[in-house]
Each structure stands twice: as structure tokens, then as C-alpha cells.
Amino acid sequence: MTTIPDREPTLTDVVQQIVALRGDLEQSRQELNDKLEQSRQELNDKLEQSRQELKTEVQRWDERFFQFQRDNLTTARTIIITAGSVVILSPVLQALAPAIQTVVSRLAGGDIAQ
């Protein structure tokens, strides 16, 4: 409290000091609210950034998964087609085996006894 020497504070002095303290308190409260709002906004920005990074990572993993599935499907189709071809063509190759053996032996220059 500001007092003049040789004098006791009056009620007016006390009221002025209370008003000044209320003004200081209101200013401090406003500064604190501003800092809190700024901190809240920074946290919201970081949270949104984290969400976006997570969303991007999930999309990458989804794409990897679907590419893996496409690759597996292609491999499975290749195996099925190859197995089907072997099953279908094996009787034909068995029937042609003696003829192929004869042609190969003639080209090699010898006769193979049957």
C-alpha cells in the first residue's frame, strides 16, 4: 500500500489499491488464458499432425497388403495353370515320347534298341 508518511491510509486509498489489484489480477488472468489457449492450439495442431501421419502410414500399409495379395493371386494362378497344363499334357507327352526319342537318337547318330 502506498501511504504518505505521517498519515494512515484512508478508505479511498484502500479502495484504490483494491481496484488496482483487481486490474492486475484481471490482466494476469487474461495473460494466463491467452497462454492456455495458445498451448491448447499447439496441442491440437500436434494431434492433427499425428492423426495425419497415422492416416498416411495406414494407407501405406494398406497398399502394401493389397499389393502382397495381388502378388499372391498371380503366383497362385501361375501354379494352377502350370499344374493344369502338366495334367492335361502329360498323356500327350507320354504318347509322343517314343517318337521324340527316335528323332533325338537319329539326330545324335545312333539307333536305340527298343
PDB file of N, CA and C in Angstrom:
ATOM      1  N   MET A   1       0.835  -1.173   0.000  1.00  0.00           N
ATOM      2  CA  MET A   1       0.000   0.000   0.000  1.00  0.00           C
ATOM      3  C   MET A   1       0.873   1.227   0.000  1.00  0.00           C
ATOM      4  N   THR A   2       0.430   2.132  -0.790  1.00  0.00           N
ATOM      5  CA  THR A   2       1.165   3.389  -0.829  1.00  0.00           C
ATOM      6  C   THR A   2       0.587   4.305   0.241  1.00  0.00           C
ATOM      7  N   THR A   3       1.424   4.727   1.102  1.00  0.00           N
ATOM      8  CA  THR A   3       0.960   5.646   2.155  1.00  0.00           C
ATOM      9  C   THR A   3       1.887   6.833   2.207  1.00  0.00           C
ATOM     10  N   ILE A   4       1.313   7.855   2.599  1.00  0.00           N
ATOM     11  CA  ILE A   4       2.113   9.062   2.807  1.00  0.00           C
ATOM     12  C   ILE A   4       2.592   9.005   4.244  1.00  0.00           C
ATOM     13  N   PRO A   5       3.873   9.266   4.456  1.00  0.00           N
ATOM     14  CA  PRO A   5       4.347   9.216   5.837  1.00  0.00           C
ATOM     15  C   PRO A   5       3.529  10.168   6.711  1.00  0.00           C
ATOM     16  N   ASP A   6       3.418   9.837   7.916  1.00  0.00           N
ATOM     17  CA  ASP A   6       2.704  10.635   8.912  1.00  0.00           C
ATOM     18  C   ASP A   6       1.192  10.590   8.693  1.00  0.00           C
ATOM     19  N   ARG A   7       0.712   9.650   7.907  1.00  0.00           N
ATOM     20  CA  ARG A   7      -0.733   9.609   7.686  1.00  0.00           C
ATOM     21  C   ARG A   7      -1.167   8.167   7.530  1.00  0.00           C
ATOM     22  N   GLU A   8      -2.263   7.806   8.076  1.00  0.00           N
ATOM     23  CA  GLU A   8      -2.841   6.472   7.939  1.00  0.00           C
ATOM     24  C   GLU A   8      -3.595   6.419   6.614  1.00  0.00           C
ATOM     25  N   PRO A   9      -3.632   5.209   5.964  1.00  0.00           N
ATOM     26  CA  PRO A   9      -4.379   5.124   4.710  1.00  0.00           C
ATOM     27  C   PRO A   9      -5.869   5.331   4.966  1.00  0.00           C
ATOM     28  N   THR A  10      -6.443   6.013   4.041  1.00  0.00           N
ATOM     29  CA  THR A  10      -7.880   6.266   4.149  1.00  0.00           C
ATOM     30  C   THR A  10      -8.620   5.152   3.420  1.00  0.00           C
ATOM     31  N   LEU A  11      -9.938   5.160   3.580  1.00  0.00           N
ATOM     32  CA  LEU A  11     -10.765   4.178   2.895  1.00  0.00           C
ATOM     33  C   LEU A  11     -10.633   4.349   1.388  1.00  0.00           C
ATOM     34  N   THR A  12     -10.489   5.532   0.916  1.00  0.00           N
ATOM     35  CA  THR A  12     -10.302   5.801  -0.511  1.00  0.00           C
ATOM     36  C   THR A  12      -8.995   5.184  -0.989  1.00  0.00           C
ATOM     37  N   ASP A  13      -7.937   5.327  -0.191  1.00  0.00           N
ATOM     38  CA  ASP A  13      -6.642   4.720  -0.550  1.00  0.00           C
ATOM     39  C   ASP A  13      -6.775   3.192  -0.661  1.00  0.00           C
ATOM     40  N   VAL A  14      -7.457   2.603   0.284  1.00  0.00           N
ATOM     41  CA  VAL A  14      -7.630   1.145   0.292  1.00  0.00           C
ATOM     42  C   VAL A  14      -8.446   0.712  -0.919  1.00  0.00           C
ATOM     43  N   VAL A  15      -9.516   1.421  -1.226  1.00  0.00           N
ATOM     44  CA  VAL A  15     -10.361   1.089  -2.390  1.00  0.00           C
ATOM     45  C   VAL A  15      -9.546   1.219  -3.673  1.00  0.00           C
ATOM     46  N   GLN A  16      -8.740   2.274  -3.795  1.00  0.00           N
ATOM     47  CA  GLN A  16      -7.909   2.446  -4.995  1.00  0.00           C
ATOM     48  C   GLN A  16      -6.911   1.293  -5.133  1.00  0.00           C
ATOM     49  N   GLN A  17      -6.346   0.883  -4.036  1.00  0.00           N
ATOM     50  CA  GLN A  17      -5.406  -0.235  -4.083  1.00  0.00           C
ATOM     51  C   GLN A  17      -6.121  -1.544  -4.453  1.00  0.00           C
ATOM     52  N   ILE A  18      -7.321  -1.739  -3.938  1.00  0.00           N
ATOM     53  CA  ILE A  18      -8.102  -2.934  -4.283  1.00  0.00           C
ATOM     54  C   ILE A  18      -8.452  -2.917  -5.764  1.00  0.00           C
ATOM     55  N   VAL A  19      -8.862  -1.754  -6.272  1.00  0.00           N
ATOM     56  CA  VAL A  19      -9.188  -1.632  -7.700  1.00  0.00           C
ATOM     57  C   VAL A  19      -7.950  -1.918  -8.541  1.00  0.00           C
ATOM     58  N   ALA A  20      -6.793  -1.391  -8.125  1.00  0.00           N
ATOM     59  CA  ALA A  20      -5.550  -1.641  -8.861  1.00  0.00           C
ATOM     60  C   ALA A  20      -5.201  -3.128  -8.824  1.00  0.00           C
ATOM     61  N   LEU A  21      -5.373  -3.758  -7.660  1.00  0.00           N
ATOM     62  CA  LEU A  21      -5.106  -5.191  -7.547  1.00  0.00           C
ATOM     63  C   LEU A  21      -6.064  -6.012  -8.412  1.00  0.00           C
ATOM     64  N   ARG A  22      -7.322  -5.608  -8.449  1.00  0.00           N
ATOM     65  CA  ARG A  22      -8.291  -6.301  -9.307  1.00  0.00           C
ATOM     66  C   ARG A  22      -7.896  -6.161 -10.769  1.00  0.00           C
ATOM     67  N   GLY A  23      -7.423  -4.966 -11.161  1.00  0.00           N
ATOM     68  CA  GLY A  23      -6.961  -4.767 -12.539  1.00  0.00           C
ATOM     69  C   GLY A  23      -5.763  -5.646 -12.853  1.00  0.00           C
ATOM     70  N   ASP A  24      -4.811  -5.696 -11.897  1.00  0.00           N
ATOM     71  CA  ASP A  24      -3.643  -6.560 -12.091  1.00  0.00           C
ATOM     72  C   ASP A  24      -4.058  -8.034 -12.168  1.00  0.00           C
ATOM     73  N   LEU A  25      -4.988  -8.413 -11.291  1.00  0.00           N
ATOM     74  CA  LEU A  25      -5.472  -9.791 -11.295  1.00  0.00           C
ATOM     75  C   LEU A  25      -6.171 -10.117 -12.612  1.00  0.00           C
ATOM     76  N   GLU A  26      -6.982  -9.229 -13.107  1.00  0.00           N
ATOM     77  CA  GLU A  26      -7.686  -9.442 -14.384  1.00  0.00           C
ATOM     78  C   GLU A  26      -6.692  -9.536 -15.532  1.00  0.00           C
ATOM     79  N   GLN A  27      -5.679  -8.705 -15.511  1.00  0.00           N
ATOM     80  CA  GLN A  27      -4.649  -8.740 -16.555  1.00  0.00           C
ATOM     81  C   GLN A  27      -3.889 -10.076 -16.482  1.00  0.00           C
ATOM     82  N   SER A  28      -3.541 -10.513 -15.283  1.00  0.00           N
ATOM     83  CA  SER A  28      -2.848 -11.790 -15.116  1.00  0.00           C
ATOM     84  C   SER A  28      -3.731 -12.949 -15.582  1.00  0.00           C
ATOM     85  N   ARG A  29      -5.019 -12.872 -15.238  1.00  0.00           N
ATOM     86  CA  ARG A  29      -5.953 -13.904 -15.661  1.00  0.00           C
ATOM     87  C   ARG A  29      -6.049 -13.962 -17.177  1.00  0.00           C
ATOM     88  N   GLN A  30      -6.105 -12.798 -17.819  1.00  0.00           N
ATOM     89  CA  GLN A  30      -6.189 -12.741 -19.276  1.00  0.00           C
ATOM     90  C   GLN A  30      -4.914 -13.295 -19.919  1.00  0.00           C
ATOM     91  N   GLU A  31      -3.766 -12.952 -19.361  1.00  0.00           N
ATOM     92  CA  GLU A  31      -2.497 -13.470 -19.887  1.00  0.00           C
ATOM     93  C   GLU A  31      -2.442 -14.988 -19.748  1.00  0.00           C
ATOM     94  N   LEU A  32      -2.905 -15.484 -18.601  1.00  0.00           N
ATOM     95  CA  LEU A  32      -2.923 -16.927 -18.384  1.00  0.00           C
ATOM     96  C   LEU A  32      -3.870 -17.609 -19.369  1.00  0.00           C
ATOM     97  N   ASN A  33      -5.045 -17.013 -19.572  1.00  0.00           N
ATOM     98  CA  ASN A  33      -6.000 -17.567 -20.541  1.00  0.00           C
ATOM     99  C   ASN A  33      -5.403 -17.581 -21.947  1.00  0.00           C
ATOM    100  N   ASP A  34      -4.696 -16.510 -22.302  1.00  0.00           N
ATOM    101  CA  ASP A  34      -4.063 -16.448 -23.629  1.00  0.00           C
ATOM    102  C   ASP A  34      -3.011 -17.548 -23.777  1.00  0.00           C
ATOM    103  N   LYS A  35      -2.198 -17.741 -22.726  1.00  0.00           N
ATOM    104  CA  LYS A  35      -1.179 -18.799 -22.774  1.00  0.00           C
ATOM    105  C   LYS A  35      -1.824 -20.179 -22.853  1.00  0.00           C
ATOM    106  N   LEU A  36      -2.887 -20.372 -22.087  1.00  0.00           N
ATOM    107  CA  LEU A  36      -3.593 -21.653 -22.130  1.00  0.00           C
ATOM    108  C   LEU A  36      -4.194 -21.910 -23.512  1.00  0.00           C
ATOM    109  N   GLU A  37      -4.775 -20.886 -24.091  1.00  0.00           N
ATOM    110  CA  GLU A  37      -5.359 -21.027 -25.429  1.00  0.00           C
ATOM    111  C   GLU A  37      -4.280 -21.334 -26.460  1.00  0.00           C
ATOM    112  N   GLN A  38      -3.146 -20.674 -26.339  1.00  0.00           N
ATOM    113  CA  GLN A  38      -2.037 -20.930 -27.255  1.00  0.00           C
ATOM    114  C   GLN A  38      -1.532 -22.369 -27.085  1.00  0.00           C
ATOM    115  N   SER A  39      -1.392 -22.823 -25.857  1.00  0.00           N
ATOM    116  CA  SER A  39      -0.960 -24.199 -25.596  1.00  0.00           C
ATOM    117  C   SER A  39      -1.972 -25.202 -26.131  1.00  0.00           C
ATOM    118  N   ARG A  40      -3.244 -24.914 -25.930  1.00  0.00           N
ATOM    119  CA  ARG A  40      -4.301 -25.790 -26.434  1.00  0.00           C
ATOM    120  C   ARG A  40      -4.243 -25.880 -27.947  1.00  0.00           C
ATOM    121  N   GLN A  41      -4.049 -24.758 -28.606  1.00  0.00           N
ATOM    122  CA  GLN A  41      -3.975 -24.739 -30.069  1.00  0.00           C
ATOM    123  C   GLN A  41      -2.755 -25.512 -30.557  1.00  0.00           C
ATOM    124  N   GLU A  42      -1.616 -25.359 -29.880  1.00  0.00           N
ATOM    125  CA  GLU A  42      -0.412 -26.102 -30.254  1.00  0.00           C
ATOM    126  C   GLU A  42      -0.637 -27.605 -30.098  1.00  0.00           C
ATOM    127  N   LEU A  43      -1.291 -27.995 -29.007  1.00  0.00           N
ATOM    128  CA  LEU A  43      -1.591 -29.412 -28.803  1.00  0.00           C
ATOM    129  C   LEU A  43      -2.539 -29.934 -29.869  1.00  0.00           C
ATOM    130  N   ASN A  44      -3.545 -29.136 -30.215  1.00  0.00           N
ATOM    131  CA  ASN A  44      -4.473 -29.540 -31.275  1.00  0.00           C
ATOM    132  C   ASN A  44      -3.737 -29.705 -32.601  1.00  0.00           C
ATOM    133  N   ASP A  45      -2.811 -28.779 -32.890  1.00  0.00           N
ATOM    134  CA  ASP A  45      -2.040 -28.871 -34.132  1.00  0.00           C
ATOM    135  C   ASP A  45      -1.182 -30.135 -34.147  1.00  0.00           C
ATOM    136  N   LYS A  46      -0.530 -30.430 -33.020  1.00  0.00           N
ATOM    137  CA  LYS A  46       0.299 -31.638 -32.936  1.00  0.00           C
ATOM    138  C   LYS A  46      -0.560 -32.895 -33.056  1.00  0.00           C
ATOM    139  N   LEU A  47      -1.724 -32.878 -32.433  1.00  0.00           N
ATOM    140  CA  LEU A  47      -2.624 -34.013 -32.517  1.00  0.00           C
ATOM    141  C   LEU A  47      -3.093 -34.225 -33.953  1.00  0.00           C
ATOM    142  N   GLU A  48      -3.443 -33.155 -34.629  1.00  0.00           N
ATOM    143  CA  GLU A  48      -3.881 -33.259 -36.023  1.00  0.00           C
ATOM    144  C   GLU A  48      -2.748 -33.761 -36.906  1.00  0.00           C
ATOM    145  N   GLN A  49      -1.539 -33.295 -36.648  1.00  0.00           N
ATOM    146  CA  GLN A  49      -0.383 -33.761 -37.412  1.00  0.00           C
ATOM    147  C   GLN A  49      -0.159 -35.257 -37.170  1.00  0.00           C
ATOM    148  N   SER A  50      -0.285 -35.695 -35.917  1.00  0.00           N
ATOM    149  CA  SER A  50      -0.126 -37.115 -35.600  1.00  0.00           C
ATOM    150  C   SER A  50      -1.208 -37.946 -36.283  1.00  0.00           C
ATOM    151  N   ARG A  51      -2.418 -37.434 -36.284  1.00  0.00           N
ATOM    152  CA  ARG A  51      -3.515 -38.147 -36.960  1.00  0.00           C
ATOM    153  C   ARG A  51      -3.225 -38.287 -38.452  1.00  0.00           C
ATOM    154  N   GLN A  52      -2.740 -37.216 -39.059  1.00  0.00           N
ATOM    155  CA  GLN A  52      -2.441 -37.243 -40.486  1.00  0.00           C
ATOM    156  C   GLN A  52      -1.310 -38.232 -40.778  1.00  0.00           C
ATOM    157  N   GLU A  53      -0.273 -38.234 -39.925  1.00  0.00           N
ATOM    158  CA  GLU A  53       0.835 -39.175 -40.112  1.00  0.00           C
ATOM    159  C   GLU A  53       0.339 -40.611 -39.965  1.00  0.00           C
ATOM    160  N   LEU A  54      -0.525 -40.853 -38.983  1.00  0.00           N
ATOM    161  CA  LEU A  54      -1.083 -42.187 -38.784  1.00  0.00           C
ATOM    162  C   LEU A  54      -1.922 -42.602 -39.991  1.00  0.00           C
ATOM    163  N   LYS A  55      -2.730 -41.695 -40.486  1.00  0.00           N
ATOM    164  CA  LYS A  55      -3.566 -41.986 -41.655  1.00  0.00           C
ATOM    165  C   LYS A  55      -2.695 -42.324 -42.862  1.00  0.00           C
ATOM    166  N   THR A  56      -1.620 -41.565 -43.061  1.00  0.00           N
ATOM    167  CA  THR A  56      -0.712 -41.824 -44.174  1.00  0.00           C
ATOM    168  C   THR A  56      -0.048 -43.184 -44.014  1.00  0.00           C
ATOM    169  N   GLU A  57       0.383 -43.510 -42.809  1.00  0.00           N
ATOM    170  CA  GLU A  57       1.039 -44.800 -42.569  1.00  0.00           C
ATOM    171  C   GLU A  57       0.070 -45.955 -42.789  1.00  0.00           C
ATOM    172  N   VAL A  58      -1.175 -45.798 -42.338  1.00  0.00           N
ATOM    173  CA  VAL A  58      -2.183 -46.835 -42.552  1.00  0.00           C
ATOM    174  C   VAL A  58      -2.425 -47.034 -44.042  1.00  0.00           C
ATOM    175  N   GLN A  59      -2.478 -45.941 -44.804  1.00  0.00           N
ATOM    176  CA  GLN A  59      -2.662 -46.061 -46.249  1.00  0.00           C
ATOM    177  C   GLN A  59      -1.500 -46.795 -46.891  1.00  0.00           C
ATOM    178  N   ARG A  60      -0.272 -46.514 -46.425  1.00  0.00           N
ATOM    179  CA  ARG A  60       0.896 -47.223 -46.962  1.00  0.00           C
ATOM    180  C   ARG A  60       0.812 -48.717 -46.659  1.00  0.00           C
ATOM    181  N   TRP A  61       0.454 -49.046 -45.427  1.00  0.00           N
ATOM    182  CA  TRP A  61       0.347 -50.463 -45.068  1.00  0.00           C
ATOM    183  C   TRP A  61      -0.783 -51.134 -45.829  1.00  0.00           C
ATOM    184  N   ASP A  62      -1.891 -50.429 -46.019  1.00  0.00           N
ATOM    185  CA  ASP A  62      -2.986 -50.987 -46.826  1.00  0.00           C
ATOM    186  C   ASP A  62      -2.506 -51.285 -48.236  1.00  0.00           C
ATOM    187  N   GLU A  63      -1.780 -50.354 -48.833  1.00  0.00           N
ATOM    188  CA  GLU A  63      -1.285 -50.552 -50.196  1.00  0.00           C
ATOM    189  C   GLU A  63      -0.315 -51.727 -50.243  1.00  0.00           C
ATOM    190  N   ARG A  64       0.556 -51.840 -49.246  1.00  0.00           N
ATOM    191  CA  ARG A  64       1.481 -52.985 -49.196  1.00  0.00           C
ATOM    192  C   ARG A  64       0.710 -54.297 -49.088  1.00  0.00           C
ATOM    193  N   PHE A  65      -0.302 -54.313 -48.244  1.00  0.00           N
ATOM    194  CA  PHE A  65      -1.098 -55.522 -48.059  1.00  0.00           C
ATOM    195  C   PHE A  65      -1.780 -55.912 -49.361  1.00  0.00           C
ATOM    196  N   PHE A  66      -2.431 -54.952 -50.016  1.00  0.00           N
ATOM    197  CA  PHE A  66      -3.146 -55.264 -51.254  1.00  0.00           C
ATOM    198  C   PHE A  66      -2.185 -55.665 -52.372  1.00  0.00           C
ATOM    199  N   GLN A  67      -1.005 -55.057 -52.418  1.00  0.00           N
ATOM    200  CA  GLN A  67      -0.010 -55.470 -53.406  1.00  0.00           C
ATOM    201  C   GLN A  67       0.450 -56.896 -53.117  1.00  0.00           C
ATOM    202  N   PHE A  68       0.653 -57.215 -51.854  1.00  0.00           N
ATOM    203  CA  PHE A  68       1.029 -58.572 -51.466  1.00  0.00           C
ATOM    204  C   PHE A  68      -0.058 -59.560 -51.889  1.00  0.00           C
ATOM    205  N   GLN A  69      -1.311 -59.198 -51.685  1.00  0.00           N
ATOM    206  CA  GLN A  69      -2.421 -60.058 -52.085  1.00  0.00           C
ATOM    207  C   GLN A  69      -2.456 -60.250 -53.600  1.00  0.00           C
ATOM    208  N   ARG A  70      -2.225 -59.176 -54.355  1.00  0.00           N
ATOM    209  CA  ARG A  70      -2.197 -59.286 -55.823  1.00  0.00           C
ATOM    210  C   ARG A  70      -1.057 -60.194 -56.267  1.00  0.00           C
ATOM    211  N   ASP A  71       0.105 -60.047 -55.616  1.00  0.00           N
ATOM    212  CA  ASP A  71       1.244 -60.905 -55.952  1.00  0.00           C
ATOM    213  C   ASP A  71       0.933 -62.370 -55.638  1.00  0.00           C
ATOM    214  N   ASN A  72       0.317 -62.610 -54.497  1.00  0.00           N
ATOM    215  CA  ASN A  72      -0.063 -63.983 -54.142  1.00  0.00           C
ATOM    216  C   ASN A  72      -1.073 -64.557 -55.127  1.00  0.00           C
ATOM    217  N   LEU A  73      -2.016 -63.745 -55.551  1.00  0.00           N
ATOM    218  CA  LEU A  73      -3.014 -64.191 -56.519  1.00  0.00           C
ATOM    219  C   LEU A  73      -2.346 -64.560 -57.840  1.00  0.00           C
ATOM    220  N   THR A  74      -1.405 -63.732 -58.272  1.00  0.00           N
ATOM    221  CA  THR A  74      -0.687 -64.016 -59.515  1.00  0.00           C
ATOM    222  C   THR A  74       0.105 -65.313 -59.387  1.00  0.00           C
ATOM    223  N   THR A  75       0.782 -65.496 -58.265  1.00  0.00           N
ATOM    224  CA  THR A  75       1.545 -66.730 -58.042  1.00  0.00           C
ATOM    225  C   THR A  75       0.616 -67.945 -58.026  1.00  0.00           C
ATOM    226  N   ALA A  76      -0.504 -67.824 -57.346  1.00  0.00           N
ATOM    227  CA  ALA A  76      -1.459 -68.935 -57.275  1.00  0.00           C
ATOM    228  C   ALA A  76      -1.987 -69.275 -58.669  1.00  0.00           C
ATOM    229  N   ARG A  77      -2.321 -68.285 -59.451  1.00  0.00           N
ATOM    230  CA  ARG A  77      -2.804 -68.531 -60.816  1.00  0.00           C
ATOM    231  C   ARG A  77      -1.738 -69.236 -61.649  1.00  0.00           C
ATOM    232  N   THR A  78      -0.493 -68.793 -61.522  1.00  0.00           N
ATOM    233  CA  THR A  78       0.600 -69.416 -62.272  1.00  0.00           C
ATOM    234  C   THR A  78       0.748 -70.883 -61.882  1.00  0.00           C
ATOM    235  N   ILE A  79       0.705 -71.168 -60.591  1.00  0.00           N
ATOM    236  CA  ILE A  79       0.820 -72.559 -60.128  1.00  0.00           C
ATOM    237  C   ILE A  79      -0.341 -73.398 -60.646  1.00  0.00           C
ATOM    238  N   ILE A  80      -1.553 -72.867 -60.578  1.00  0.00           N
ATOM    239  CA  ILE A  80      -2.734 -73.609 -61.037  1.00  0.00           C
ATOM    240  C   ILE A  80      -2.651 -73.876 -62.543  1.00  0.00           C
ATOM    241  N   ILE A  81      -2.261 -72.877 -63.308  1.00  0.00           N
ATOM    242  CA  ILE A  81      -2.148 -73.051 -64.760  1.00  0.00           C
ATOM    243  C   ILE A  81      -1.058 -74.061 -65.099  1.00  0.00           C
ATOM    244  N   THR A  82       0.072 -73.981 -64.406  1.00  0.00           N
ATOM    245  CA  THR A  82       1.159 -74.930 -64.657  1.00  0.00           C
ATOM    246  C   THR A  82       0.731 -76.350 -64.308  1.00  0.00           C
ATOM    247  N   ALA A  83       0.108 -76.527 -63.158  1.00  0.00           N
ATOM    248  CA  ALA A  83      -0.349 -77.864 -62.752  1.00  0.00           C
ATOM    249  C   ALA A  83      -1.392 -78.397 -63.725  1.00  0.00           C
ATOM    250  N   GLY A  84      -2.302 -77.550 -64.146  1.00  0.00           N
ATOM    251  CA  GLY A  84      -3.317 -77.974 -65.119  1.00  0.00           C
ATOM    252  C   GLY A  84      -2.694 -78.364 -66.440  1.00  0.00           C
ATOM    253  N   SER A  85      -1.726 -77.607 -66.871  1.00  0.00           N
ATOM    254  CA  SER A  85      -1.043 -77.920 -68.133  1.00  0.00           C
ATOM    255  C   SER A  85      -0.332 -79.257 -68.046  1.00  0.00           C
ATOM    256  N   VAL A  86       0.331 -79.516 -66.933  1.00  0.00           N
ATOM    257  CA  VAL A  86       1.039 -80.790 -66.754  1.00  0.00           C
ATOM    258  C   VAL A  86       0.048 -81.943 -66.776  1.00  0.00           C
ATOM    259  N   VAL A  87      -1.075 -81.782 -66.065  1.00  0.00           N
ATOM    260  CA  VAL A  87      -2.078 -82.851 -66.022  1.00  0.00           C
ATOM    261  C   VAL A  87      -2.662 -83.097 -67.403  1.00  0.00           C
ATOM    262  N   ILE A  88      -2.956 -82.029 -68.131  1.00  0.00           N
ATOM    263  CA  ILE A  88      -3.575 -82.171 -69.450  1.00  0.00           C
ATOM    264  C   ILE A  88      -2.575 -82.682 -70.486  1.00  0.00           C
ATOM    265  N   LEU A  89      -1.343 -82.175 -70.451  1.00  0.00           N
ATOM    266  CA  LEU A  89      -0.379 -82.512 -71.488  1.00  0.00           C
ATOM    267  C   LEU A  89       0.429 -83.781 -71.203  1.00  0.00           C
ATOM    268  N   SER A  90       0.412 -84.299 -69.983  1.00  0.00           N
ATOM    269  CA  SER A  90       1.226 -85.485 -69.694  1.00  0.00           C
ATOM    270  C   SER A  90       0.832 -86.692 -70.540  1.00  0.00           C
ATOM    271  N   PRO A  91      -0.443 -86.980 -70.788  1.00  0.00           N
ATOM    272  CA  PRO A  91      -0.754 -88.114 -71.670  1.00  0.00           C
ATOM    273  C   PRO A  91      -0.247 -87.897 -73.106  1.00  0.00           C
ATOM    274  N   VAL A  92      -0.305 -86.658 -73.559  1.00  0.00           N
ATOM    275  CA  VAL A  92       0.174 -86.356 -74.912  1.00  0.00           C
ATOM    276  C   VAL A  92       1.680 -86.566 -74.982  1.00  0.00           C
ATOM    277  N   LEU A  93       2.393 -86.082 -73.959  1.00  0.00           N
ATOM    278  CA  LEU A  93       3.848 -86.252 -73.938  1.00  0.00           C
ATOM    279  C   LEU A  93       4.229 -87.728 -73.801  1.00  0.00           C
ATOM    280  N   GLN A  94       3.460 -88.492 -73.037  1.00  0.00           N
ATOM    281  CA  GLN A  94       3.742 -89.927 -72.919  1.00  0.00           C
ATOM    282  C   GLN A  94       3.536 -90.631 -74.256  1.00  0.00           C
ATOM    283  N   ALA A  95       2.513 -90.221 -75.005  1.00  0.00           N
ATOM    284  CA  ALA A  95       2.262 -90.840 -76.313  1.00  0.00           C
ATOM    285  C   ALA A  95       3.345 -90.457 -77.312  1.00  0.00           C
ATOM    286  N   LEU A  96       3.873 -89.242 -77.194  1.00  0.00           N
ATOM    287  CA  LEU A  96       4.881 -88.781 -78.138  1.00  0.00           C
ATOM    288  C   LEU A  96       6.301 -89.127 -77.711  1.00  0.00           C
ATOM    289  N   ALA A  97       6.500 -89.640 -76.516  1.00  0.00           N
ATOM    290  CA  ALA A  97       7.840 -89.921 -76.008  1.00  0.00           C
ATOM    291  C   ALA A  97       8.626 -90.862 -76.919  1.00  0.00           C
ATOM    292  N   PRO A  98       8.067 -91.973 -77.409  1.00  0.00           N
ATOM    293  CA  PRO A  98       8.856 -92.840 -78.301  1.00  0.00           C
ATOM    294  C   PRO A  98       9.255 -92.130 -79.597  1.00  0.00           C
ATOM    295  N   ALA A  99       8.351 -91.332 -80.142  1.00  0.00           N
ATOM    296  CA  ALA A  99       8.672 -90.615 -81.381  1.00  0.00           C
ATOM    297  C   ALA A  99       9.764 -89.582 -81.135  1.00  0.00           C
ATOM    298  N   ILE A 100       9.695 -88.900 -80.027  1.00  0.00           N
ATOM    299  CA  ILE A 100      10.718 -87.895 -79.695  1.00  0.00           C
ATOM    300  C   ILE A 100      12.053 -88.584 -79.457  1.00  0.00           C
ATOM    301  N   GLN A 101      12.027 -89.733 -78.810  1.00  0.00           N
ATOM    302  CA  GLN A 101      13.260 -90.476 -78.550  1.00  0.00           C
ATOM    303  C   GLN A 101      13.892 -90.931 -79.859  1.00  0.00           C
ATOM    304  N   THR A 102      13.085 -91.354 -80.803  1.00  0.00           N
ATOM    305  CA  THR A 102      13.596 -91.785 -82.109  1.00  0.00           C
ATOM    306  C   THR A 102      14.228 -90.621 -82.844  1.00  0.00           C
ATOM    307  N   VAL A 103      13.562 -89.492 -82.854  1.00  0.00           N
ATOM    308  CA  VAL A 103      14.093 -88.313 -83.551  1.00  0.00           C
ATOM    309  C   VAL A 103      15.405 -87.879 -82.923  1.00  0.00           C
ATOM    310  N   VAL A 104      15.468 -87.852 -81.614  1.00  0.00           N
ATOM    311  CA  VAL A 104      16.682 -87.420 -80.929  1.00  0.00           C
ATOM    312  C   VAL A 104      17.827 -88.398 -81.219  1.00  0.00           C
ATOM    313  N   SER A 105      17.557 -89.690 -81.195  1.00  0.00           N
ATOM    314  CA  SER A 105      18.622 -90.652 -81.438  1.00  0.00           C
ATOM    315  C   SER A 105      19.099 -90.603 -82.891  1.00  0.00           C
ATOM    316  N   ARG A 106      18.226 -90.358 -83.840  1.00  0.00           N
ATOM    317  CA  ARG A 106      18.652 -90.223 -85.236  1.00  0.00           C
ATOM    318  C   ARG A 106      19.504 -88.987 -85.410  1.00  0.00           C
ATOM    319  N   LEU A 107      19.119 -87.905 -84.724  1.00  0.00           N
ATOM    320  CA  LEU A 107      19.934 -86.686 -84.833  1.00  0.00           C
ATOM    321  C   LEU A 107      21.291 -86.890 -84.162  1.00  0.00           C
ATOM    322  N   ALA A 108      21.331 -87.691 -83.136  1.00  0.00           N
ATOM    323  CA  ALA A 108      22.578 -87.967 -82.453  1.00  0.00           C
ATOM    324  C   ALA A 108      23.440 -88.967 -83.196  1.00  0.00           C
ATOM    325  N   GLY A 109      22.837 -89.682 -84.149  1.00  0.00           N
ATOM    326  CA  GLY A 109      23.592 -90.591 -84.985  1.00  0.00           C
ATOM    327  C   GLY A 109      23.608 -92.016 -84.529  1.00  0.00           C
ATOM    328  N   GLY A 110      22.738 -92.439 -83.721  1.00  0.00           N
ATOM    329  CA  GLY A 110      22.722 -93.834 -83.286  1.00  0.00           C
ATOM    330  C   GLY A 110      21.312 -94.344 -83.209  1.00  0.00           C
ATOM    331  N   ASP A 111      21.205 -95.681 -83.268  1.00  0.00           N
ATOM    332  CA  ASP A 111      19.892 -96.310 -83.121  1.00  0.00           C
ATOM    333  C   ASP A 111      19.774 -96.862 -81.718  1.00  0.00           C
ATOM    334  N   ILE A 112      18.628 -96.612 -81.117  1.00  0.00           N
ATOM    335  CA  ILE A 112      18.385 -97.093 -79.769  1.00  0.00           C
ATOM    336  C   ILE A 112      17.501 -98.318 -79.900  1.00  0.00           C
ATOM    337  N   ALA A 113      17.922 -99.399 -79.292  1.00  0.00           N
ATOM    338  CA  ALA A 113      17.121-100.635 -79.355  1.00  0.00           C
ATOM    339  C   ALA A 113      15.906-100.473 -78.489  1.00  0.00           C
ATOM    340  N   GLN A 114      14.811-100.917 -79.078  1.00  0.00           N
ATOM    341  CA  GLN A 114      13.571-100.770 -78.335  1.00  0.00           C
ATOM    342  C   GLN A 114      13.150-102.069 -77.754  1.00  0.00           C
TER     343      GLN A 114
END
